[in-house]
Amino acid sequence: MSKSTSIFSALICTLIWGTTFIAQDTGMKVIGPYVFNGVRFFVGFLTLIPFYFLLEKKNTYKEVSKDQKKFIYLSILIGLFLFLGTLFQQVALLYTDVANAAFFTIFYVPMVPIIVFFLFKKNIHWSVWPSVILCVMGGYLLTNFHDATVRLGDTLVILGAIFWSLHIIFIGKIIKEFNAPILIGLIQTIIVSLCSIILAIAFEDIIIKNILEQKIQILYAGILSGGIAFVLQIYAQKNISPAPAAIIFSLEGVFATIAAWIILSQILNINNILGCVFILVGVLFSQLLPEMKLSKNK
């Protein structure tokens, strides 16, 4: 897979994530966050099964046998990070609004290079830091956060952002060693689904009628976001290191704003437009400058 294909996969993944925020928020009218996530990711798991058998099953043994223990360990770890990231984000939407959630979720952008540096002592290309600043500023302008009030839910979103960061970092590690993105996607979706259903059994009422009432939101968030988008993320990170990948993924705020403008007829103000521009410039900055340096050295 080429670098340009990876970037395209990241953009499609981010587009899906951006438009899923609305489904996540409106999908909890009659069901709780644990039920929503449990069913959503089970739908994602079912979506990926035929793709696995058609595209990847033949190579599974070859890839996993490189280091079976390490593959299982990393896959479970990634599934748990995804579970905790989605858990905090979904529960937070009960206590805060979409604007706050979108803004604080973007905090994974500065967290990724910081965690990479401290965990792995890996140097980050200098272009990442101004890109991070541009993306956070863009997120601030994009979400009209200056008109919002900080709530309990915002703390949950920030906690979730830590696990989103770890998820991005360890996806980068596993896909560099094991070329099995759909299998990794299957494992992480079933882990999220099972963990969420356990919480739902313990703390919520599971009523089939109520689940069916939210079927549109669940199918959208499950098939596209829970299944396809997270596998596209894995494909994307094959050729993009975690810090620049996180910057690209910050475009989900831009796509969410554009979707709200087109679908919900929400008017974009000058701050929203500036926010989109800041994030776009940050993404381009992080991707183009390292490439320019490489081409000069050739």
C-alpha atoms as a PDB file:
ATOM      1  CA  MET A   1       0.000   0.000   0.000  1.00  0.00           C
ATOM      2  CA  SER A   2       1.371   3.429  -0.971  1.00  0.00           C
ATOM      3  CA  LYS A   3       1.552   6.501   1.264  1.00  0.00           C
ATOM      4  CA  SER A   4      -1.113   8.266  -0.842  1.00  0.00           C
ATOM      5  CA  THR A   5      -3.488   5.275  -0.455  1.00  0.00           C
ATOM      6  CA  SER A   6      -2.919   5.372   3.309  1.00  0.00           C
ATOM      7  CA  ILE A   7      -3.735   9.093   3.418  1.00  0.00           C
ATOM      8  CA  PHE A   8      -6.882   8.492   1.331  1.00  0.00           C
ATOM      9  CA  SER A   9      -7.938   5.697   3.753  1.00  0.00           C
ATOM     10  CA  ALA A  10      -7.359   8.058   6.688  1.00  0.00           C
ATOM     11  CA  LEU A  11      -9.493  10.770   5.061  1.00  0.00           C
ATOM     12  CA  ILE A  12     -12.420   8.409   4.349  1.00  0.00           C
ATOM     13  CA  CYS A  13     -12.155   7.029   7.894  1.00  0.00           C
ATOM     14  CA  THR A  14     -12.189  10.577   9.303  1.00  0.00           C
ATOM     15  CA  LEU A  15     -15.162  11.568   7.132  1.00  0.00           C
ATOM     16  CA  ILE A  16     -17.163   8.652   8.566  1.00  0.00           C
ATOM     17  CA  TRP A  17     -16.112   9.472  12.147  1.00  0.00           C
ATOM     18  CA  GLY A  18     -17.069  13.126  11.711  1.00  0.00           C
ATOM     19  CA  THR A  19     -20.590  12.308  10.558  1.00  0.00           C
ATOM     20  CA  THR A  20     -21.081   9.659  13.270  1.00  0.00           C
ATOM     21  CA  PHE A  21     -21.084  12.166  16.159  1.00  0.00           C
ATOM     22  CA  ILE A  22     -24.713  13.049  15.358  1.00  0.00           C
ATOM     23  CA  ALA A  23     -25.751   9.370  15.313  1.00  0.00           C
ATOM     24  CA  GLN A  24     -23.979   8.796  18.648  1.00  0.00           C
ATOM     25  CA  ASP A  25     -25.727  11.744  20.265  1.00  0.00           C
ATOM     26  CA  THR A  26     -29.240  11.085  18.921  1.00  0.00           C
ATOM     27  CA  GLY A  27     -28.949   7.302  19.338  1.00  0.00           C
ATOM     28  CA  MET A  28     -29.424   7.442  23.121  1.00  0.00           C
ATOM     29  CA  LYS A  29     -32.989   8.744  23.306  1.00  0.00           C
ATOM     30  CA  VAL A  30     -34.376   5.482  24.692  1.00  0.00           C
ATOM     31  CA  ILE A  31     -31.270   3.333  25.291  1.00  0.00           C
ATOM     32  CA  GLY A  32     -28.186   3.822  27.455  1.00  0.00           C
ATOM     33  CA  PRO A  33     -24.599   4.337  26.272  1.00  0.00           C
ATOM     34  CA  TYR A  34     -23.507   0.793  27.154  1.00  0.00           C
ATOM     35  CA  VAL A  35     -26.352  -0.795  25.179  1.00  0.00           C
ATOM     36  CA  PHE A  36     -25.692   1.577  22.264  1.00  0.00           C
ATOM     37  CA  ASN A  37     -21.977   0.741  22.129  1.00  0.00           C
ATOM     38  CA  GLY A  38     -22.550  -2.972  22.683  1.00  0.00           C
ATOM     39  CA  VAL A  39     -25.014  -3.305  19.793  1.00  0.00           C
ATOM     40  CA  ARG A  40     -23.160  -0.800  17.593  1.00  0.00           C
ATOM     41  CA  PHE A  41     -19.849  -2.657  17.738  1.00  0.00           C
ATOM     42  CA  PHE A  42     -21.512  -6.064  17.379  1.00  0.00           C
ATOM     43  CA  VAL A  43     -23.014  -4.750  14.127  1.00  0.00           C
ATOM     44  CA  GLY A  44     -19.499  -3.595  13.177  1.00  0.00           C
ATOM     45  CA  PHE A  45     -18.142  -7.082  13.952  1.00  0.00           C
ATOM     46  CA  LEU A  46     -20.790  -8.740  11.753  1.00  0.00           C
ATOM     47  CA  THR A  47     -20.049  -6.263   8.955  1.00  0.00           C
ATOM     48  CA  LEU A  48     -16.366  -7.224   8.861  1.00  0.00           C
ATOM     49  CA  ILE A  49     -16.822 -11.036   8.842  1.00  0.00           C
ATOM     50  CA  PRO A  50     -17.513 -11.402   5.068  1.00  0.00           C
ATOM     51  CA  PHE A  51     -14.629  -9.020   4.238  1.00  0.00           C
ATOM     52  CA  TYR A  52     -12.314 -11.148   6.372  1.00  0.00           C
ATOM     53  CA  PHE A  53     -13.235 -14.402   4.602  1.00  0.00           C
ATOM     54  CA  LEU A  54     -13.062 -12.809   1.138  1.00  0.00           C
ATOM     55  CA  LEU A  55      -9.876 -10.765   1.496  1.00  0.00           C
ATOM     56  CA  GLU A  56      -7.726 -11.909   4.390  1.00  0.00           C
ATOM     57  CA  LYS A  57      -8.372 -15.419   5.718  1.00  0.00           C
ATOM     58  CA  LYS A  58      -5.717 -17.043   3.460  1.00  0.00           C
ATOM     59  CA  ASN A  59      -2.920 -14.935   4.926  1.00  0.00           C
ATOM     60  CA  THR A  60      -4.007 -15.099   8.572  1.00  0.00           C
ATOM     61  CA  TYR A  61      -1.806 -18.001   9.672  1.00  0.00           C
ATOM     62  CA  LYS A  62       1.255 -16.579   7.909  1.00  0.00           C
ATOM     63  CA  GLU A  63       0.859 -13.180   9.593  1.00  0.00           C
ATOM     64  CA  VAL A  64      -0.136 -14.296  13.092  1.00  0.00           C
ATOM     65  CA  SER A  65       2.529 -17.019  13.248  1.00  0.00           C
ATOM     66  CA  LYS A  66       5.274 -14.351  13.062  1.00  0.00           C
ATOM     67  CA  ASP A  67       4.751 -13.878  16.808  1.00  0.00           C
ATOM     68  CA  GLN A  68       1.419 -15.277  17.987  1.00  0.00           C
ATOM     69  CA  LYS A  69       1.723 -14.147  21.617  1.00  0.00           C
ATOM     70  CA  LYS A  70       2.600 -10.590  20.628  1.00  0.00           C
ATOM     71  CA  PHE A  71      -0.284 -10.442  18.131  1.00  0.00           C
ATOM     72  CA  ILE A  72      -2.815 -11.607  20.739  1.00  0.00           C
ATOM     73  CA  TYR A  73      -1.400  -9.242  23.378  1.00  0.00           C
ATOM     74  CA  LEU A  74      -1.450  -6.174  21.102  1.00  0.00           C
ATOM     75  CA  SER A  75      -4.900  -7.026  19.665  1.00  0.00           C
ATOM     76  CA  ILE A  76      -6.463  -7.321  23.132  1.00  0.00           C
ATOM     77  CA  LEU A  77      -4.716  -4.138  24.274  1.00  0.00           C
ATOM     78  CA  ILE A  78      -6.013  -2.228  21.233  1.00  0.00           C
ATOM     79  CA  GLY A  79      -9.529  -3.574  21.831  1.00  0.00           C
ATOM     80  CA  LEU A  80      -9.457  -2.417  25.458  1.00  0.00           C
ATOM     81  CA  PHE A  81      -8.143   1.045  24.495  1.00  0.00           C
ATOM     82  CA  LEU A  82     -10.933   1.362  21.914  1.00  0.00           C
ATOM     83  CA  PHE A  83     -13.511   0.182  24.456  1.00  0.00           C
ATOM     84  CA  LEU A  84     -12.398   2.768  27.032  1.00  0.00           C
ATOM     85  CA  GLY A  85     -12.153   5.566  24.438  1.00  0.00           C
ATOM     86  CA  THR A  86     -15.659   4.939  23.089  1.00  0.00           C
ATOM     87  CA  LEU A  87     -17.042   4.324  26.591  1.00  0.00           C
ATOM     88  CA  PHE A  88     -15.918   7.693  27.981  1.00  0.00           C
ATOM     89  CA  GLN A  89     -16.970   9.518  24.807  1.00  0.00           C
ATOM     90  CA  GLN A  90     -20.420   7.917  24.684  1.00  0.00           C
ATOM     91  CA  VAL A  91     -21.185   8.395  28.394  1.00  0.00           C
ATOM     92  CA  ALA A  92     -19.900  11.989  28.174  1.00  0.00           C
ATOM     93  CA  LEU A  93     -22.585  12.829  25.600  1.00  0.00           C
ATOM     94  CA  LEU A  94     -25.165  12.367  28.387  1.00  0.00           C
ATOM     95  CA  TYR A  95     -23.545  15.222  30.342  1.00  0.00           C
ATOM     96  CA  THR A  96     -22.223  17.574  27.670  1.00  0.00           C
ATOM     97  CA  ASP A  97     -23.105  18.685  24.159  1.00  0.00           C
ATOM     98  CA  VAL A  98     -21.631  17.628  20.817  1.00  0.00           C
ATOM     99  CA  ALA A  99     -19.596  20.863  20.509  1.00  0.00           C
ATOM    100  CA  ASN A 100     -17.778  20.271  23.796  1.00  0.00           C
ATOM    101  CA  ALA A 101     -17.303  16.565  23.063  1.00  0.00           C
ATOM    102  CA  ALA A 102     -15.859  17.292  19.617  1.00  0.00           C
ATOM    103  CA  PHE A 103     -13.465  19.906  21.006  1.00  0.00           C
ATOM    104  CA  PHE A 104     -12.126  17.876  23.923  1.00  0.00           C
ATOM    105  CA  THR A 105     -11.847  14.690  21.814  1.00  0.00           C
ATOM    106  CA  ILE A 106      -9.387  16.554  19.582  1.00  0.00           C
ATOM    107  CA  PHE A 107      -7.014  16.641  22.563  1.00  0.00           C
ATOM    108  CA  TYR A 108      -5.696  13.269  21.355  1.00  0.00           C
ATOM    109  CA  VAL A 109      -3.780  15.284  18.721  1.00  0.00           C
ATOM    110  CA  PRO A 110      -1.272  16.795  21.201  1.00  0.00           C
ATOM    111  CA  MET A 111      -1.411  13.698  23.422  1.00  0.00           C
ATOM    112  CA  VAL A 112      -0.146  11.266  20.754  1.00  0.00           C
ATOM    113  CA  PRO A 113       3.330  12.788  20.150  1.00  0.00           C
ATOM    114  CA  ILE A 114       3.800  13.392  23.898  1.00  0.00           C
ATOM    115  CA  ILE A 115       2.908   9.767  24.773  1.00  0.00           C
ATOM    116  CA  VAL A 116       5.069   8.422  21.899  1.00  0.00           C
ATOM    117  CA  PHE A 117       8.041  10.433  23.167  1.00  0.00           C
ATOM    118  CA  PHE A 118       7.706   9.306  26.800  1.00  0.00           C
ATOM    119  CA  LEU A 119       6.787   5.665  26.097  1.00  0.00           C
ATOM    120  CA  PHE A 120       9.207   4.930  23.266  1.00  0.00           C
ATOM    121  CA  LYS A 121      11.728   7.815  23.426  1.00  0.00           C
ATOM    122  CA  LYS A 122      10.980   8.395  19.741  1.00  0.00           C
ATOM    123  CA  ASN A 123      11.824  11.774  18.242  1.00  0.00           C
ATOM    124  CA  ILE A 124       8.970  13.557  16.481  1.00  0.00           C
ATOM    125  CA  HIS A 125       9.477  15.642  13.320  1.00  0.00           C
ATOM    126  CA  TRP A 126       9.385  19.314  14.330  1.00  0.00           C
ATOM    127  CA  SER A 127       6.478  20.023  11.926  1.00  0.00           C
ATOM    128  CA  VAL A 128       4.136  18.023  14.204  1.00  0.00           C
ATOM    129  CA  TRP A 129       4.192  20.640  16.983  1.00  0.00           C
ATOM    130  CA  PRO A 130       2.969  23.693  14.994  1.00  0.00           C
ATOM    131  CA  SER A 131       0.462  21.358  13.313  1.00  0.00           C
ATOM    132  CA  VAL A 132      -0.850  20.270  16.724  1.00  0.00           C
ATOM    133  CA  ILE A 133      -1.262  23.921  17.796  1.00  0.00           C
ATOM    134  CA  LEU A 134      -3.125  24.746  14.573  1.00  0.00           C
ATOM    135  CA  CYS A 135      -5.431  21.728  15.008  1.00  0.00           C
ATOM    136  CA  VAL A 136      -6.309  22.548  18.624  1.00  0.00           C
ATOM    137  CA  MET A 137      -6.940  26.208  17.706  1.00  0.00           C
ATOM    138  CA  GLY A 138      -9.038  25.026  14.768  1.00  0.00           C
ATOM    139  CA  GLY A 139     -11.036  22.719  17.030  1.00  0.00           C
ATOM    140  CA  TYR A 140     -11.681  25.596  19.411  1.00  0.00           C
ATOM    141  CA  LEU A 141     -13.030  27.819  16.615  1.00  0.00           C
ATOM    142  CA  LEU A 142     -14.880  25.001  14.888  1.00  0.00           C
ATOM    143  CA  THR A 143     -16.998  23.930  17.849  1.00  0.00           C
ATOM    144  CA  ASN A 144     -17.981  27.405  19.132  1.00  0.00           C
ATOM    145  CA  PHE A 145     -16.520  26.175  22.416  1.00  0.00           C
ATOM    146  CA  HIS A 146     -16.083  29.775  23.606  1.00  0.00           C
ATOM    147  CA  ASP A 147     -19.894  29.891  23.952  1.00  0.00           C
ATOM    148  CA  ALA A 148     -19.998  26.647  25.947  1.00  0.00           C
ATOM    149  CA  THR A 149     -19.755  25.800  29.621  1.00  0.00           C
ATOM    150  CA  VAL A 150     -17.273  23.216  30.884  1.00  0.00           C
ATOM    151  CA  ARG A 151     -19.201  20.274  32.356  1.00  0.00           C
ATOM    152  CA  LEU A 152     -18.580  16.904  34.028  1.00  0.00           C
ATOM    153  CA  GLY A 153     -18.907  15.273  30.623  1.00  0.00           C
ATOM    154  CA  ASP A 154     -15.913  17.233  29.343  1.00  0.00           C
ATOM    155  CA  THR A 155     -13.639  15.544  31.904  1.00  0.00           C
ATOM    156  CA  LEU A 156     -14.885  12.174  30.651  1.00  0.00           C
ATOM    157  CA  VAL A 157     -14.119  13.199  27.049  1.00  0.00           C
ATOM    158  CA  ILE A 158     -10.546  14.175  28.015  1.00  0.00           C
ATOM    159  CA  LEU A 159     -10.096  10.795  29.745  1.00  0.00           C
ATOM    160  CA  GLY A 160     -11.423   9.187  26.571  1.00  0.00           C
ATOM    161  CA  ALA A 161      -8.903  11.170  24.503  1.00  0.00           C
ATOM    162  CA  ILE A 162      -6.059   9.506  26.438  1.00  0.00           C
ATOM    163  CA  PHE A 163      -7.333   6.086  25.329  1.00  0.00           C
ATOM    164  CA  TRP A 164      -7.931   7.304  21.755  1.00  0.00           C
ATOM    165  CA  SER A 165      -4.262   8.377  21.763  1.00  0.00           C
ATOM    166  CA  LEU A 166      -3.102   4.978  23.017  1.00  0.00           C
ATOM    167  CA  HIS A 167      -5.327   3.256  20.449  1.00  0.00           C
ATOM    168  CA  ILE A 168      -3.753   5.239  17.590  1.00  0.00           C
ATOM    169  CA  ILE A 169      -0.216   4.596  18.914  1.00  0.00           C
ATOM    170  CA  PHE A 170      -0.636   0.837  19.334  1.00  0.00           C
ATOM    171  CA  ILE A 171      -2.491   0.456  16.007  1.00  0.00           C
ATOM    172  CA  GLY A 172       0.672   1.940  14.491  1.00  0.00           C
ATOM    173  CA  LYS A 173       2.762  -0.713  16.283  1.00  0.00           C
ATOM    174  CA  ILE A 174       0.665  -3.761  15.405  1.00  0.00           C
ATOM    175  CA  ILE A 175       0.098  -2.962  11.719  1.00  0.00           C
ATOM    176  CA  LYS A 176       3.835  -2.445  11.150  1.00  0.00           C
ATOM    177  CA  GLU A 177       4.448  -6.065  12.228  1.00  0.00           C
ATOM    178  CA  PHE A 178       1.261  -7.908  11.236  1.00  0.00           C
ATOM    179  CA  ASN A 179      -0.479  -7.232   7.925  1.00  0.00           C
ATOM    180  CA  ALA A 180      -3.930  -8.347   9.119  1.00  0.00           C
ATOM    181  CA  PRO A 181      -6.059  -5.183   9.399  1.00  0.00           C
ATOM    182  CA  ILE A 182      -9.465  -6.866   9.082  1.00  0.00           C
ATOM    183  CA  LEU A 183      -8.621  -9.526  11.675  1.00  0.00           C
ATOM    184  CA  ILE A 184      -7.411  -6.782  14.040  1.00  0.00           C
ATOM    185  CA  GLY A 185     -10.688  -4.935  13.331  1.00  0.00           C
ATOM    186  CA  LEU A 186     -12.713  -8.061  14.137  1.00  0.00           C
ATOM    187  CA  ILE A 187     -10.909  -8.602  17.431  1.00  0.00           C
ATOM    188  CA  GLN A 188     -11.226  -4.995  18.602  1.00  0.00           C
ATOM    189  CA  THR A 189     -14.926  -4.702  17.678  1.00  0.00           C
ATOM    190  CA  ILE A 190     -15.905  -7.910  19.484  1.00  0.00           C
ATOM    191  CA  ILE A 191     -13.916  -6.844  22.574  1.00  0.00           C
ATOM    192  CA  VAL A 192     -15.691  -3.454  22.649  1.00  0.00           C
ATOM    193  CA  SER A 193     -19.065  -5.115  22.095  1.00  0.00           C
ATOM    194  CA  LEU A 194     -18.631  -7.768  24.813  1.00  0.00           C
ATOM    195  CA  CYS A 195     -17.249  -5.327  27.406  1.00  0.00           C
ATOM    196  CA  SER A 196     -20.086  -2.870  26.680  1.00  0.00           C
ATOM    197  CA  ILE A 197     -22.763  -5.588  26.900  1.00  0.00           C
ATOM    198  CA  ILE A 198     -21.368  -6.728  30.275  1.00  0.00           C
ATOM    199  CA  LEU A 199     -21.745  -3.148  31.557  1.00  0.00           C
ATOM    200  CA  ALA A 200     -25.221  -2.916  30.003  1.00  0.00           C
ATOM    201  CA  ILE A 201     -26.354  -6.099  31.789  1.00  0.00           C
ATOM    202  CA  ALA A 202     -25.016  -4.731  35.084  1.00  0.00           C
ATOM    203  CA  PHE A 203     -26.245  -1.127  34.884  1.00  0.00           C
ATOM    204  CA  GLU A 204     -28.916  -0.708  32.166  1.00  0.00           C
ATOM    205  CA  ASP A 205     -32.122  -2.247  30.878  1.00  0.00           C
ATOM    206  CA  ILE A 206     -31.756  -4.107  27.574  1.00  0.00           C
ATOM    207  CA  ILE A 207     -35.109  -3.687  25.811  1.00  0.00           C
ATOM    208  CA  ILE A 208     -35.231  -4.956  22.212  1.00  0.00           C
ATOM    209  CA  LYS A 209     -38.079  -2.581  21.277  1.00  0.00           C
ATOM    210  CA  ASN A 210     -36.003   0.430  22.350  1.00  0.00           C
ATOM    211  CA  ILE A 211     -32.937  -0.835  20.477  1.00  0.00           C
ATOM    212  CA  LEU A 212     -35.010  -1.187  17.296  1.00  0.00           C
ATOM    213  CA  GLU A 213     -36.256   2.389  17.710  1.00  0.00           C
ATOM    214  CA  GLN A 214     -32.631   3.559  17.356  1.00  0.00           C
ATOM    215  CA  LYS A 215     -31.814   1.175  14.496  1.00  0.00           C
ATOM    216  CA  ILE A 216     -30.837   3.888  11.980  1.00  0.00           C
ATOM    217  CA  GLN A 217     -28.285   5.459  14.336  1.00  0.00           C
ATOM    218  CA  ILE A 218     -26.987   2.039  15.434  1.00  0.00           C
ATOM    219  CA  LEU A 219     -26.611   0.756  11.858  1.00  0.00           C
ATOM    220  CA  TYR A 220     -24.850   3.926  10.726  1.00  0.00           C
ATOM    221  CA  ALA A 221     -22.513   4.047  13.725  1.00  0.00           C
ATOM    222  CA  GLY A 222     -22.018   0.264  13.595  1.00  0.00           C
ATOM    223  CA  ILE A 223     -21.525  -0.557   9.914  1.00  0.00           C
ATOM    224  CA  LEU A 224     -19.704   2.578   8.810  1.00  0.00           C
ATOM    225  CA  SER A 225     -17.911   3.795  11.945  1.00  0.00           C
ATOM    226  CA  GLY A 226     -17.593   0.741  14.201  1.00  0.00           C
ATOM    227  CA  GLY A 227     -16.725  -1.610  11.335  1.00  0.00           C
ATOM    228  CA  ILE A 228     -15.439  -0.025   8.134  1.00  0.00           C
ATOM    229  CA  ALA A 229     -13.895   3.222   9.458  1.00  0.00           C
ATOM    230  CA  PHE A 230     -11.795   1.546  12.157  1.00  0.00           C
ATOM    231  CA  VAL A 231     -10.402  -0.935   9.607  1.00  0.00           C
ATOM    232  CA  LEU A 232      -9.618   1.987   7.274  1.00  0.00           C
ATOM    233  CA  GLN A 233      -7.749   3.538  10.224  1.00  0.00           C
ATOM    234  CA  ILE A 234      -5.619   0.392  10.508  1.00  0.00           C
ATOM    235  CA  TYR A 235      -4.917   0.405   6.740  1.00  0.00           C
ATOM    236  CA  ALA A 236      -4.053   4.111   6.928  1.00  0.00           C
ATOM    237  CA  GLN A 237      -1.551   3.704   9.756  1.00  0.00           C
ATOM    238  CA  LYS A 238       0.472   1.161   7.796  1.00  0.00           C
ATOM    239  CA  ASN A 239       2.319   4.058   6.117  1.00  0.00           C
ATOM    240  CA  ILE A 240       1.592   6.973   8.452  1.00  0.00           C
ATOM    241  CA  SER A 241       3.235   7.240  11.876  1.00  0.00           C
ATOM    242  CA  PRO A 242       0.956   7.902  14.898  1.00  0.00           C
ATOM    243  CA  ALA A 243       1.556  11.655  15.395  1.00  0.00           C
ATOM    244  CA  PRO A 244       0.837  12.723  11.770  1.00  0.00           C
ATOM    245  CA  ALA A 245      -2.053  10.211  11.675  1.00  0.00           C
ATOM    246  CA  ALA A 246      -3.638  11.867  14.731  1.00  0.00           C
ATOM    247  CA  ILE A 247      -3.396  15.234  12.972  1.00  0.00           C
ATOM    248  CA  ILE A 248      -5.203  13.855   9.904  1.00  0.00           C
ATOM    249  CA  PHE A 249      -7.869  12.286  12.140  1.00  0.00           C
ATOM    250  CA  SER A 250      -8.500  15.726  13.678  1.00  0.00           C
ATOM    251  CA  LEU A 251     -10.275  16.541  10.399  1.00  0.00           C
ATOM    252  CA  GLU A 252     -13.290  14.700  11.821  1.00  0.00           C
ATOM    253  CA  GLY A 253     -14.315  18.047  13.349  1.00  0.00           C
ATOM    254  CA  VAL A 254     -14.200  19.667   9.916  1.00  0.00           C
ATOM    255  CA  PHE A 255     -16.259  16.876   8.350  1.00  0.00           C
ATOM    256  CA  ALA A 256     -18.762  16.992  11.251  1.00  0.00           C
ATOM    257  CA  THR A 257     -19.224  20.747  10.718  1.00  0.00           C
ATOM    258  CA  ILE A 258     -19.656  20.385   6.954  1.00  0.00           C
ATOM    259  CA  ALA A 259     -22.138  17.509   7.451  1.00  0.00           C
ATOM    260  CA  ALA A 260     -24.160  19.606   9.920  1.00  0.00           C
ATOM    261  CA  TRP A 261     -24.182  22.448   7.363  1.00  0.00           C
ATOM    262  CA  ILE A 262     -25.362  20.196   4.503  1.00  0.00           C
ATOM    263  CA  ILE A 263     -27.690  17.790   6.361  1.00  0.00           C
ATOM    264  CA  LEU A 264     -28.980  19.926   9.244  1.00  0.00           C
ATOM    265  CA  SER A 265     -28.748  23.320   7.470  1.00  0.00           C
ATOM    266  CA  GLN A 266     -26.644  24.711  10.305  1.00  0.00           C
ATOM    267  CA  ILE A 267     -25.086  28.025   9.296  1.00  0.00           C
ATOM    268  CA  LEU A 268     -21.290  28.311   9.364  1.00  0.00           C
ATOM    269  CA  ASN A 269     -19.984  31.502  10.969  1.00  0.00           C
ATOM    270  CA  ILE A 270     -16.579  33.056  10.345  1.00  0.00           C
ATOM    271  CA  ASN A 271     -15.063  31.242  13.362  1.00  0.00           C
ATOM    272  CA  ASN A 272     -16.212  27.875  12.010  1.00  0.00           C
ATOM    273  CA  ILE A 273     -14.674  28.607   8.618  1.00  0.00           C
ATOM    274  CA  LEU A 274     -11.406  29.775  10.228  1.00  0.00           C
ATOM    275  CA  GLY A 275     -11.386  26.606  12.348  1.00  0.00           C
ATOM    276  CA  CYS A 276     -11.671  24.457   9.199  1.00  0.00           C
ATOM    277  CA  VAL A 277      -8.818  26.405   7.582  1.00  0.00           C
ATOM    278  CA  PHE A 278      -6.558  26.071  10.662  1.00  0.00           C
ATOM    279  CA  ILE A 279      -7.047  22.294  10.817  1.00  0.00           C
ATOM    280  CA  LEU A 280      -6.541  21.884   7.051  1.00  0.00           C
ATOM    281  CA  VAL A 281      -3.314  23.909   7.205  1.00  0.00           C
ATOM    282  CA  GLY A 282      -2.168  21.855  10.217  1.00  0.00           C
ATOM    283  CA  VAL A 283      -2.812  18.590   8.358  1.00  0.00           C
ATOM    284  CA  LEU A 284      -1.002  19.774   5.216  1.00  0.00           C
ATOM    285  CA  PHE A 285       1.900  21.102   7.310  1.00  0.00           C
ATOM    286  CA  SER A 286       2.388  17.751   9.069  1.00  0.00           C
ATOM    287  CA  GLN A 287       2.241  15.737   5.836  1.00  0.00           C
ATOM    288  CA  LEU A 288       4.104  17.888   3.310  1.00  0.00           C
ATOM    289  CA  LEU A 289       7.117  19.188   5.268  1.00  0.00           C
ATOM    290  CA  PRO A 290       8.598  15.751   6.116  1.00  0.00           C
ATOM    291  CA  GLU A 291       8.096  14.697   2.466  1.00  0.00           C
ATOM    292  CA  MET A 292       9.889  17.852   1.236  1.00  0.00           C
ATOM    293  CA  LYS A 293      12.834  17.047   3.510  1.00  0.00           C
ATOM    294  CA  LEU A 294      12.970  13.478   2.194  1.00  0.00           C
ATOM    295  CA  SER A 295      12.921  14.646  -1.456  1.00  0.00           C
ATOM    296  CA  LYS A 296      15.782  17.108  -0.760  1.00  0.00           C
ATOM    297  CA  ASN A 297      17.885  14.339   0.763  1.00  0.00           C
ATOM    298  CA  LYS A 298      17.495  12.084  -2.270  1.00  0.00           C
END
